């Protein structure tokens, strides 16, 4: 399954694996919160 993390510029910074390294277990809740705030 393709995600936004597979697209530029995310893939250039490590993609989903890189995001998981940086944000760990908080990644899911962070993405959910960002989506809620940005879509409001």
PDB file of N, CA and C in Angstrom:
ATOM      1  N   UNK A   1       0.850  -1.183   0.000  1.00  0.00           N
ATOM      2  CA  UNK A   1       0.000   0.000   0.000  1.00  0.00           C
ATOM      3  C   UNK A   1       0.892   1.242   0.000  1.00  0.00           C
ATOM      4  N   UNK A   2       0.615   2.144  -0.901  1.00  0.00           N
ATOM      5  CA  UNK A   2       1.376   3.382  -1.013  1.00  0.00           C
ATOM      6  C   UNK A   2       0.807   4.420  -0.043  1.00  0.00           C
ATOM      7  N   UNK A   3       1.678   5.153   0.602  1.00  0.00           N
ATOM      8  CA  UNK A   3       1.268   6.214   1.519  1.00  0.00           C
ATOM      9  C   UNK A   3       1.925   7.519   1.105  1.00  0.00           C
ATOM     10  N   UNK A   4       1.560   8.578   1.750  1.00  0.00           N
ATOM     11  CA  UNK A   4       2.202   9.878   1.483  1.00  0.00           C
ATOM     12  C   UNK A   4       3.688   9.830   1.806  1.00  0.00           C
ATOM     13  N   UNK A   5       4.079   8.944   2.718  1.00  0.00           N
ATOM     14  CA  UNK A   5       5.483   8.833   3.090  1.00  0.00           C
ATOM     15  C   UNK A   5       6.325   8.234   1.967  1.00  0.00           C
ATOM     16  N   UNK A   6       5.667   7.703   0.923  1.00  0.00           N
ATOM     17  CA  UNK A   6       6.376   7.170  -0.239  1.00  0.00           C
ATOM     18  C   UNK A   6       6.627   8.234  -1.298  1.00  0.00           C
ATOM     19  N   UNK A   7       6.169   9.443  -1.058  1.00  0.00           N
ATOM     20  CA  UNK A   7       6.290  10.528  -2.022  1.00  0.00           C
ATOM     21  C   UNK A   7       7.368  11.524  -1.607  1.00  0.00           C
ATOM     22  N   UNK A   8       7.849  12.307  -2.579  1.00  0.00           N
ATOM     23  CA  UNK A   8       8.789  13.396  -2.312  1.00  0.00           C
ATOM     24  C   UNK A   8       8.080  14.449  -1.480  1.00  0.00           C
ATOM     25  N   UNK A   9       8.619  15.044  -0.486  1.00  0.00           N
ATOM     26  CA  UNK A   9       9.992  14.954  -0.013  1.00  0.00           C
ATOM     27  C   UNK A   9      10.197  13.888   1.064  1.00  0.00           C
ATOM     28  N   UNK A  10       9.117  13.199   1.473  1.00  0.00           N
ATOM     29  CA  UNK A  10       9.224  12.254   2.583  1.00  0.00           C
ATOM     30  C   UNK A  10      10.177  11.106   2.289  1.00  0.00           C
ATOM     31  N   UNK A  11      10.100  10.544   1.087  1.00  0.00           N
ATOM     32  CA  UNK A  11      10.964   9.413   0.742  1.00  0.00           C
ATOM     33  C   UNK A  11      12.437   9.827   0.755  1.00  0.00           C
ATOM     34  N   UNK A  12      12.718  11.067   0.452  1.00  0.00           N
ATOM     35  CA  UNK A  12      14.102  11.567   0.482  1.00  0.00           C
ATOM     36  C   UNK A  12      14.638  11.662   1.909  1.00  0.00           C
ATOM     37  N   UNK A  13      13.740  11.700   2.872  1.00  0.00           N
ATOM     38  CA  UNK A  13      14.129  11.802   4.289  1.00  0.00           C
ATOM     39  C   UNK A  13      13.952  10.484   5.031  1.00  0.00           C
ATOM     40  N   UNK A  14      13.748   9.387   4.301  1.00  0.00           N
ATOM     41  CA  UNK A  14      13.662   8.085   4.945  1.00  0.00           C
ATOM     42  C   UNK A  14      12.284   7.456   4.900  1.00  0.00           C
ATOM     43  N   UNK A  15      11.314   8.149   4.359  1.00  0.00           N
ATOM     44  CA  UNK A  15       9.972   7.596   4.213  1.00  0.00           C
ATOM     45  C   UNK A  15       9.326   7.249   5.542  1.00  0.00           C
ATOM     46  N   UNK A  16       8.479   6.242   5.510  1.00  0.00           N
ATOM     47  CA  UNK A  16       7.745   5.835   6.709  1.00  0.00           C
ATOM     48  C   UNK A  16       8.690   5.332   7.793  1.00  0.00           C
ATOM     49  N   UNK A  17       9.716   4.589   7.397  1.00  0.00           N
ATOM     50  CA  UNK A  17      10.689   4.097   8.370  1.00  0.00           C
ATOM     51  C   UNK A  17      11.403   5.228   9.084  1.00  0.00           C
ATOM     52  N   UNK A  18      11.756   6.265   8.344  1.00  0.00           N
ATOM     53  CA  UNK A  18      12.403   7.429   8.947  1.00  0.00           C
ATOM     54  C   UNK A  18      11.480   8.158   9.910  1.00  0.00           C
ATOM     55  N   UNK A  19      10.216   8.282   9.537  1.00  0.00           N
ATOM     56  CA  UNK A  19       9.247   8.935  10.420  1.00  0.00           C
ATOM     57  C   UNK A  19       9.050   8.134  11.698  1.00  0.00           C
ATOM     58  N   UNK A  20       9.021   6.816  11.563  1.00  0.00           N
ATOM     59  CA  UNK A  20       8.869   5.952  12.754  1.00  0.00           C
ATOM     60  C   UNK A  20      10.083   6.065  13.670  1.00  0.00           C
ATOM     61  N   UNK A  21      11.271   6.201  13.081  1.00  0.00           N
ATOM     62  CA  UNK A  21      12.478   6.367  13.899  1.00  0.00           C
ATOM     63  C   UNK A  21      12.409   7.664  14.698  1.00  0.00           C
ATOM     64  N   UNK A  22      11.943   8.729  14.062  1.00  0.00           N
ATOM     65  CA  UNK A  22      11.912  10.041  14.702  1.00  0.00           C
ATOM     66  C   UNK A  22      10.782  10.141  15.721  1.00  0.00           C
ATOM     67  N   UNK A  23       9.571   9.709  15.337  1.00  0.00           N
ATOM     68  CA  UNK A  23       8.396   9.924  16.179  1.00  0.00           C
ATOM     69  C   UNK A  23       7.957   8.697  16.972  1.00  0.00           C
ATOM     70  N   UNK A  24       8.500   7.531  16.647  1.00  0.00           N
ATOM     71  CA  UNK A  24       8.196   6.310  17.385  1.00  0.00           C
ATOM     72  C   UNK A  24       6.707   6.020  17.461  1.00  0.00           C
ATOM     73  N   UNK A  25       6.263   5.621  18.643  1.00  0.00           N
ATOM     74  CA  UNK A  25       4.875   5.251  18.860  1.00  0.00           C
ATOM     75  C   UNK A  25       3.895   6.406  18.768  1.00  0.00           C
ATOM     76  N   UNK A  26       4.391   7.617  18.706  1.00  0.00           N
ATOM     77  CA  UNK A  26       3.518   8.794  18.628  1.00  0.00           C
ATOM     78  C   UNK A  26       3.142   9.155  17.193  1.00  0.00           C
ATOM     79  N   UNK A  27       3.711   8.470  16.203  1.00  0.00           N
ATOM     80  CA  UNK A  27       3.495   8.834  14.809  1.00  0.00           C
ATOM     81  C   UNK A  27       2.017   8.796  14.426  1.00  0.00           C
ATOM     82  N   UNK A  28       1.329   7.726  14.773  1.00  0.00           N
ATOM     83  CA  UNK A  28      -0.083   7.592  14.406  1.00  0.00           C
ATOM     84  C   UNK A  28      -0.944   8.702  14.963  1.00  0.00           C
ATOM     85  N   UNK A  29      -0.782   8.991  16.250  1.00  0.00           N
ATOM     86  CA  UNK A  29      -1.591  10.044  16.868  1.00  0.00           C
ATOM     87  C   UNK A  29      -1.197  11.417  16.344  1.00  0.00           C
ATOM     88  N   UNK A  30       0.075  11.614  16.033  1.00  0.00           N
ATOM     89  CA  UNK A  30       0.534  12.886  15.471  1.00  0.00           C
ATOM     90  C   UNK A  30      -0.073  13.124  14.096  1.00  0.00           C
ATOM     91  N   UNK A  31      -0.055  12.100  13.235  1.00  0.00           N
ATOM     92  CA  UNK A  31      -0.638  12.231  11.897  1.00  0.00           C
ATOM     93  C   UNK A  31      -2.140  12.480  12.004  1.00  0.00           C
ATOM     94  N   UNK A  32      -2.793  11.778  12.904  1.00  0.00           N
ATOM     95  CA  UNK A  32      -4.247  11.968  13.094  1.00  0.00           C
ATOM     96  C   UNK A  32      -4.540  13.398  13.537  1.00  0.00           C
ATOM     97  N   UNK A  33      -3.770  13.904  14.496  1.00  0.00           N
ATOM     98  CA  UNK A  33      -3.986  15.275  14.983  1.00  0.00           C
ATOM     99  C   UNK A  33      -3.720  16.307  13.878  1.00  0.00           C
ATOM    100  N   UNK A  34      -2.652  16.109  13.124  1.00  0.00           N
ATOM    101  CA  UNK A  34      -2.360  17.024  12.022  1.00  0.00           C
ATOM    102  C   UNK A  34      -3.489  17.036  11.001  1.00  0.00           C
ATOM    103  N   UNK A  35      -3.997  15.858  10.654  1.00  0.00           N
ATOM    104  CA  UNK A  35      -5.112  15.788   9.700  1.00  0.00           C
ATOM    105  C   UNK A  35      -6.344  16.517  10.218  1.00  0.00           C
ATOM    106  N   UNK A  36      -6.657  16.367  11.495  1.00  0.00           N
ATOM    107  CA  UNK A  36      -7.823  17.040  12.077  1.00  0.00           C
ATOM    108  C   UNK A  36      -7.661  18.555  12.047  1.00  0.00           C
ATOM    109  N   UNK A  37      -6.488  19.028  12.427  1.00  0.00           N
ATOM    110  CA  UNK A  37      -6.227  20.468  12.495  1.00  0.00           C
ATOM    111  C   UNK A  37      -6.196  21.082  11.094  1.00  0.00           C
ATOM    112  N   UNK A  38      -5.533  20.405  10.183  1.00  0.00           N
ATOM    113  CA  UNK A  38      -5.394  20.963   8.832  1.00  0.00           C
ATOM    114  C   UNK A  38      -6.675  20.901   8.019  1.00  0.00           C
ATOM    115  N   UNK A  39      -7.570  20.007   8.373  1.00  0.00           N
ATOM    116  CA  UNK A  39      -8.824  19.901   7.619  1.00  0.00           C
ATOM    117  C   UNK A  39      -9.946  20.735   8.238  1.00  0.00           C
ATOM    118  N   UNK A  40      -9.666  21.354   9.355  1.00  0.00           N
ATOM    119  CA  UNK A  40     -10.699  22.172  10.027  1.00  0.00           C
ATOM    120  C   UNK A  40     -10.883  23.508   9.367  1.00  0.00           C
TER     121      UNK A  40
END
